[in-house]
Amino acid sequence: MRIEGLQDFGQLTTQKKEHKESESFGELLQEFIADVNTDLKNAKQAEKLIAEGKVENLENLMYQIAKSDISLRLITEIRNKALESYQEIMRMQV
């Protein structure tokens, strides 16, 4: 296992920042929704394995289920805040 030095970390951080600056908010949101969808599919598969009794690593399966729950709650809150913001903008008088 290779441990990266601070110089390598700085380069990785700079590359990520450059990549993220080029993305629009819509693209970022689409990626996040796709990630949440993947998490939900993984959790469904984990629940199926637990129900069938094919558990090799229960902690990992429970982690996947908890991760999907948190992701779903977060995306729901983002949606709620976006709707509230839209409604507030629509109430503004021009």
N, C-alpha and C. Protein backbone atom coordinates (compact mmCIF):
# COMPACT_ATOMS: atom_id res chain seq x y z
N MET A 1 0.84 -1.18 0.00
CA MET A 1 0.00 0.00 0.00
C MET A 1 0.88 1.23 0.00
N ARG A 2 0.62 2.14 -0.90
CA ARG A 2 1.42 3.35 -1.02
C ARG A 2 0.73 4.49 -0.31
N ILE A 3 1.48 5.18 0.50
CA ILE A 3 0.95 6.36 1.19
C ILE A 3 1.46 7.58 0.45
N GLU A 4 0.54 8.40 -0.01
CA GLU A 4 0.91 9.57 -0.80
C GLU A 4 1.38 10.69 0.12
N GLY A 5 2.38 11.41 -0.36
CA GLY A 5 2.89 12.54 0.40
C GLY A 5 2.02 13.77 0.23
N LEU A 6 2.35 14.81 0.93
CA LEU A 6 1.56 16.03 0.86
C LEU A 6 1.62 16.67 -0.52
N GLN A 7 2.74 16.51 -1.22
CA GLN A 7 2.83 17.07 -2.55
C GLN A 7 1.84 16.38 -3.48
N ASP A 8 1.76 15.06 -3.39
CA ASP A 8 0.79 14.33 -4.21
C ASP A 8 -0.63 14.75 -3.85
N PHE A 9 -0.90 14.92 -2.57
CA PHE A 9 -2.23 15.33 -2.12
C PHE A 9 -2.59 16.70 -2.67
N GLY A 10 -1.64 17.61 -2.68
CA GLY A 10 -1.88 18.95 -3.22
C GLY A 10 -2.22 18.90 -4.70
N GLN A 11 -1.55 18.05 -5.44
CA GLN A 11 -1.83 17.90 -6.86
C GLN A 11 -3.22 17.32 -7.09
N LEU A 12 -3.59 16.31 -6.29
CA LEU A 12 -4.91 15.72 -6.42
C LEU A 12 -6.00 16.73 -6.10
N THR A 13 -5.79 17.51 -5.07
CA THR A 13 -6.77 18.52 -4.67
C THR A 13 -6.93 19.56 -5.78
N THR A 14 -5.82 20.00 -6.36
CA THR A 14 -5.87 20.99 -7.43
C THR A 14 -6.60 20.42 -8.65
N GLN A 15 -6.33 19.17 -8.98
CA GLN A 15 -7.00 18.55 -10.12
C GLN A 15 -8.50 18.46 -9.88
N LYS A 16 -8.91 18.10 -8.66
CA LYS A 16 -10.33 17.99 -8.35
C LYS A 16 -11.00 19.35 -8.42
N LYS A 17 -10.32 20.40 -7.93
CA LYS A 17 -10.91 21.73 -7.97
C LYS A 17 -11.10 22.19 -9.41
N GLU A 18 -10.12 21.95 -10.26
CA GLU A 18 -10.22 22.35 -11.66
C GLU A 18 -11.37 21.61 -12.34
N HIS A 19 -11.53 20.33 -12.01
CA HIS A 19 -12.61 19.54 -12.61
C HIS A 19 -13.97 20.03 -12.12
N LYS A 20 -14.08 20.34 -10.84
CA LYS A 20 -15.36 20.76 -10.28
C LYS A 20 -15.77 22.15 -10.75
N GLU A 21 -14.81 23.01 -11.01
CA GLU A 21 -15.14 24.36 -11.46
C GLU A 21 -15.78 24.34 -12.84
N SER A 22 -15.45 23.33 -13.65
CA SER A 22 -15.99 23.27 -14.99
C SER A 22 -17.40 22.67 -15.02
N GLU A 23 -17.82 22.03 -13.93
CA GLU A 23 -19.14 21.42 -13.89
C GLU A 23 -20.20 22.46 -13.55
N SER A 24 -21.36 22.30 -14.13
CA SER A 24 -22.47 23.17 -13.77
C SER A 24 -23.21 22.55 -12.59
N PHE A 25 -24.10 23.34 -12.00
CA PHE A 25 -24.87 22.86 -10.87
C PHE A 25 -25.76 21.69 -11.31
N GLY A 26 -26.32 21.78 -12.50
CA GLY A 26 -27.17 20.71 -13.00
C GLY A 26 -26.43 19.39 -13.14
N GLU A 27 -25.21 19.45 -13.66
CA GLU A 27 -24.40 18.25 -13.81
C GLU A 27 -24.05 17.66 -12.45
N LEU A 28 -23.72 18.52 -11.52
CA LEU A 28 -23.39 18.07 -10.17
C LEU A 28 -24.59 17.40 -9.52
N LEU A 29 -25.76 17.98 -9.71
CA LEU A 29 -26.98 17.42 -9.14
C LEU A 29 -27.31 16.07 -9.80
N GLN A 30 -27.12 15.98 -11.11
CA GLN A 30 -27.37 14.71 -11.80
C GLN A 30 -26.44 13.61 -11.29
N GLU A 31 -25.18 13.94 -11.07
CA GLU A 31 -24.23 12.96 -10.55
C GLU A 31 -24.63 12.51 -9.14
N PHE A 32 -25.07 13.46 -8.32
CA PHE A 32 -25.47 13.12 -6.97
C PHE A 32 -26.71 12.23 -6.97
N ILE A 33 -27.67 12.52 -7.84
CA ILE A 33 -28.87 11.69 -7.94
C ILE A 33 -28.50 10.28 -8.40
N ALA A 34 -27.58 10.19 -9.34
CA ALA A 34 -27.13 8.87 -9.80
C ALA A 34 -26.44 8.10 -8.67
N ASP A 35 -25.65 8.81 -7.85
CA ASP A 35 -25.00 8.17 -6.71
C ASP A 35 -26.02 7.67 -5.69
N VAL A 36 -27.04 8.48 -5.44
CA VAL A 36 -28.10 8.08 -4.50
C VAL A 36 -28.82 6.85 -5.04
N ASN A 37 -29.10 6.85 -6.33
CA ASN A 37 -29.76 5.70 -6.94
C ASN A 37 -28.91 4.44 -6.80
N THR A 38 -27.63 4.57 -7.02
CA THR A 38 -26.71 3.43 -6.86
C THR A 38 -26.71 2.94 -5.41
N ASP A 39 -26.68 3.88 -4.47
CA ASP A 39 -26.72 3.51 -3.05
C ASP A 39 -27.99 2.75 -2.71
N LEU A 40 -29.12 3.20 -3.25
CA LEU A 40 -30.39 2.53 -2.98
C LEU A 40 -30.42 1.12 -3.57
N LYS A 41 -29.85 0.96 -4.76
CA LYS A 41 -29.78 -0.37 -5.36
C LYS A 41 -28.89 -1.30 -4.54
N ASN A 42 -27.75 -0.77 -4.06
CA ASN A 42 -26.85 -1.56 -3.23
C ASN A 42 -27.53 -1.97 -1.92
N ALA A 43 -28.30 -1.05 -1.34
CA ALA A 43 -29.00 -1.36 -0.10
C ALA A 43 -30.06 -2.43 -0.32
N LYS A 44 -30.75 -2.35 -1.44
CA LYS A 44 -31.76 -3.36 -1.76
C LYS A 44 -31.12 -4.73 -1.91
N GLN A 45 -29.97 -4.76 -2.56
CA GLN A 45 -29.24 -6.02 -2.72
C GLN A 45 -28.75 -6.53 -1.36
N ALA A 46 -28.30 -5.63 -0.49
CA ALA A 46 -27.83 -6.02 0.84
C ALA A 46 -28.98 -6.60 1.65
N GLU A 47 -30.16 -5.96 1.58
CA GLU A 47 -31.33 -6.48 2.29
C GLU A 47 -31.71 -7.86 1.78
N LYS A 48 -31.60 -8.06 0.47
CA LYS A 48 -31.91 -9.36 -0.11
C LYS A 48 -30.94 -10.43 0.42
N LEU A 49 -29.66 -10.10 0.49
CA LEU A 49 -28.66 -11.05 0.99
C LEU A 49 -28.91 -11.38 2.46
N ILE A 50 -29.29 -10.38 3.23
CA ILE A 50 -29.56 -10.62 4.65
C ILE A 50 -30.78 -11.52 4.80
N ALA A 51 -31.82 -11.26 4.01
CA ALA A 51 -33.03 -12.07 4.08
C ALA A 51 -32.78 -13.52 3.66
N GLU A 52 -31.89 -13.71 2.71
CA GLU A 52 -31.57 -15.06 2.24
C GLU A 52 -30.59 -15.77 3.15
N GLY A 53 -29.98 -15.04 4.07
CA GLY A 53 -29.01 -15.63 4.99
C GLY A 53 -27.64 -15.80 4.38
N LYS A 54 -27.36 -15.12 3.30
CA LYS A 54 -26.05 -15.21 2.64
C LYS A 54 -25.16 -14.07 3.09
N VAL A 55 -24.94 -13.99 4.39
CA VAL A 55 -24.20 -12.87 4.97
C VAL A 55 -22.77 -13.31 5.25
N GLU A 56 -21.83 -12.62 4.60
CA GLU A 56 -20.43 -12.86 4.90
C GLU A 56 -19.89 -11.76 5.81
N ASN A 57 -20.31 -10.53 5.55
CA ASN A 57 -19.85 -9.40 6.35
C ASN A 57 -21.08 -8.53 6.67
N LEU A 58 -21.68 -8.78 7.81
CA LEU A 58 -22.90 -8.08 8.19
C LEU A 58 -22.66 -6.58 8.37
N GLU A 59 -21.49 -6.22 8.88
CA GLU A 59 -21.19 -4.80 9.09
C GLU A 59 -21.20 -4.03 7.78
N ASN A 60 -20.62 -4.61 6.75
CA ASN A 60 -20.59 -3.96 5.44
C ASN A 60 -21.99 -3.80 4.87
N LEU A 61 -22.81 -4.82 5.01
CA LEU A 61 -24.18 -4.75 4.50
C LEU A 61 -24.99 -3.70 5.26
N MET A 62 -24.82 -3.65 6.57
CA MET A 62 -25.53 -2.64 7.36
C MET A 62 -25.03 -1.24 7.03
N TYR A 63 -23.75 -1.12 6.74
CA TYR A 63 -23.19 0.17 6.32
C TYR A 63 -23.84 0.63 5.02
N GLN A 64 -23.99 -0.28 4.06
CA GLN A 64 -24.61 0.08 2.78
C GLN A 64 -26.06 0.53 2.97
N ILE A 65 -26.78 -0.14 3.85
CA ILE A 65 -28.17 0.23 4.12
C ILE A 65 -28.25 1.60 4.79
N ALA A 66 -27.39 1.84 5.78
CA ALA A 66 -27.39 3.14 6.46
C ALA A 66 -26.96 4.26 5.52
N LYS A 67 -25.99 3.99 4.66
CA LYS A 67 -25.52 4.99 3.70
C LYS A 67 -26.63 5.39 2.75
N SER A 68 -27.39 4.41 2.28
CA SER A 68 -28.48 4.72 1.36
C SER A 68 -29.58 5.52 2.05
N ASP A 69 -29.83 5.22 3.32
CA ASP A 69 -30.83 5.97 4.08
C ASP A 69 -30.42 7.43 4.23
N ILE A 70 -29.18 7.65 4.57
CA ILE A 70 -28.68 9.02 4.74
C ILE A 70 -28.68 9.76 3.41
N SER A 71 -28.27 9.08 2.34
CA SER A 71 -28.27 9.70 1.01
C SER A 71 -29.68 10.10 0.59
N LEU A 72 -30.65 9.22 0.84
CA LEU A 72 -32.03 9.52 0.47
C LEU A 72 -32.58 10.69 1.28
N ARG A 73 -32.26 10.72 2.57
CA ARG A 73 -32.70 11.86 3.39
C ARG A 73 -32.09 13.17 2.91
N LEU A 74 -30.81 13.12 2.54
CA LEU A 74 -30.13 14.33 2.08
C LEU A 74 -30.73 14.84 0.77
N ILE A 75 -30.96 13.95 -0.18
CA ILE A 75 -31.52 14.38 -1.46
C ILE A 75 -32.94 14.91 -1.27
N THR A 76 -33.68 14.34 -0.33
CA THR A 76 -35.02 14.84 -0.03
C THR A 76 -34.96 16.25 0.54
N GLU A 77 -34.03 16.49 1.44
CA GLU A 77 -33.88 17.83 2.02
C GLU A 77 -33.44 18.84 0.97
N ILE A 78 -32.56 18.42 0.06
CA ILE A 78 -32.13 19.31 -1.02
C ILE A 78 -33.32 19.68 -1.89
N ARG A 79 -34.14 18.69 -2.20
CA ARG A 79 -35.34 18.95 -3.00
C ARG A 79 -36.26 19.92 -2.27
N ASN A 80 -36.47 19.69 -0.97
CA ASN A 80 -37.36 20.56 -0.20
C ASN A 80 -36.84 22.01 -0.18
N LYS A 81 -35.55 22.17 0.02
CA LYS A 81 -34.97 23.52 0.04
C LYS A 81 -35.07 24.18 -1.33
N ALA A 82 -34.88 23.41 -2.38
CA ALA A 82 -35.00 23.98 -3.73
C ALA A 82 -36.43 24.43 -4.00
N LEU A 83 -37.41 23.63 -3.58
CA LEU A 83 -38.81 24.03 -3.74
C LEU A 83 -39.15 25.27 -2.92
N GLU A 84 -38.65 25.33 -1.69
CA GLU A 84 -38.89 26.51 -0.86
C GLU A 84 -38.28 27.75 -1.50
N SER A 85 -37.08 27.61 -2.04
CA SER A 85 -36.43 28.74 -2.70
C SER A 85 -37.21 29.19 -3.92
N TYR A 86 -37.67 28.24 -4.71
CA TYR A 86 -38.46 28.57 -5.89
C TYR A 86 -39.75 29.30 -5.49
N GLN A 87 -40.43 28.80 -4.47
CA GLN A 87 -41.66 29.43 -4.02
C GLN A 87 -41.41 30.84 -3.51
N GLU A 88 -40.29 31.02 -2.81
CA GLU A 88 -39.95 32.35 -2.31
C GLU A 88 -39.67 33.31 -3.46
N ILE A 89 -38.98 32.84 -4.47
CA ILE A 89 -38.70 33.70 -5.64
C ILE A 89 -40.00 34.05 -6.35
N MET A 90 -40.92 33.12 -6.46
CA MET A 90 -42.18 33.38 -7.13
C MET A 90 -43.06 34.38 -6.34
N ARG A 91 -42.85 34.44 -5.03
CA ARG A 91 -43.61 35.41 -4.21
C ARG A 91 -43.07 36.83 -4.30
N MET A 92 -41.84 36.98 -4.79
CA MET A 92 -41.23 38.30 -4.87
C MET A 92 -41.98 39.19 -5.87
N GLN A 93 -42.14 40.43 -5.48
CA GLN A 93 -42.79 41.36 -6.38
C GLN A 93 -41.72 42.08 -7.20
N VAL A 94 -41.98 42.19 -8.47
CA VAL A 94 -41.01 42.80 -9.36
C VAL A 94 -41.36 44.25 -9.63
